Amino acid sequence: MLEIKNLVVNVKNKRILDGINLKIEHGEIHAIMGQNGSGKTTLSSVLAGDKRYKVISGKISFANEDVISLVPEDRARKGIFLSFQNPTEIPGVSNQEFLRESINSIRKYRKQKQMDMFEFREFIKNKIKLLNISKEFLKRSVNTEMSGGEKKKSEVLQMISLNPKLSILDEIDSGLDIDSMQIVSKIINSMKEEMKSFLIITHYQKFLDKVKPDFVHILNDGKIVKSGGFSLSKKIDKEGYEKFT
């Protein structure tokens, strides 16, 4: 699904990622953990194609294709989705308008029939039901005048609507209450059963207890310094990062 080899990334001539190696297979959940400033959000942004980050060397392959030269839109069309740590507000653009345009952009790329408004309303009905969201939410502007939890639910709604092959979730659990966290974790586990893959950036053991990642990686100073199974996250929760950093 995804393979990163010796990835080195600079921002304004400062080394942020320093030789990242990571491989994610179909149907796997990987968690990235680490102290603030360790490079976690930089990694997610680079994978999504943010050009503010300069790739100095290394390789990013997605579905056996080198994607480093691709713009974010093309990476999204191929099946990479990024949920932002701090989602951008888009006043004046409704959620339903944004979602339908996004879906149709991908359908056009795949040479599929465009979804009209009637088809979209039928399609989105079950999606908002999964997230326990009202129909009125679709009429609201994207991420505008929303709580932190509402913004994260909006990101998850985008994810299940676009149905990507690989979802990169940057602190998707931040701002979610217990019930919402339960809903989101069920969605992730359901998509995993469909052989979708995840790279989850988080600080919270409670969320990992619900999604039970296959692999946990500790990022420190731009490098993966330790990898292991789900039990590694429990060790971090109990002992902290100091022994790994």
Foldseek 3Di string as FASTA:
>chain_A
DKWWFQWWKDAPNHTQAGTETDDDFFLFEEEEEEDPSLCQLVVLCQLLAPPNMDTPDIFMADPNHTCNPPHNLVSVLQFEAEQDPDDDFDPPQFLLNVLLVSQQSSCVVVVHDRADPVNSVVVLPVLCVLQVHDPVNRGGTQVPPDFPLSNLSSSVSSCVSSVGQEYEYEASVPRHDPVNLLSSLVVVQVSSVVRRYYYYYHDDLVSCVSNQGQKYFYGGSNYGQDMDGSVVSVVCVVPNCVVSD
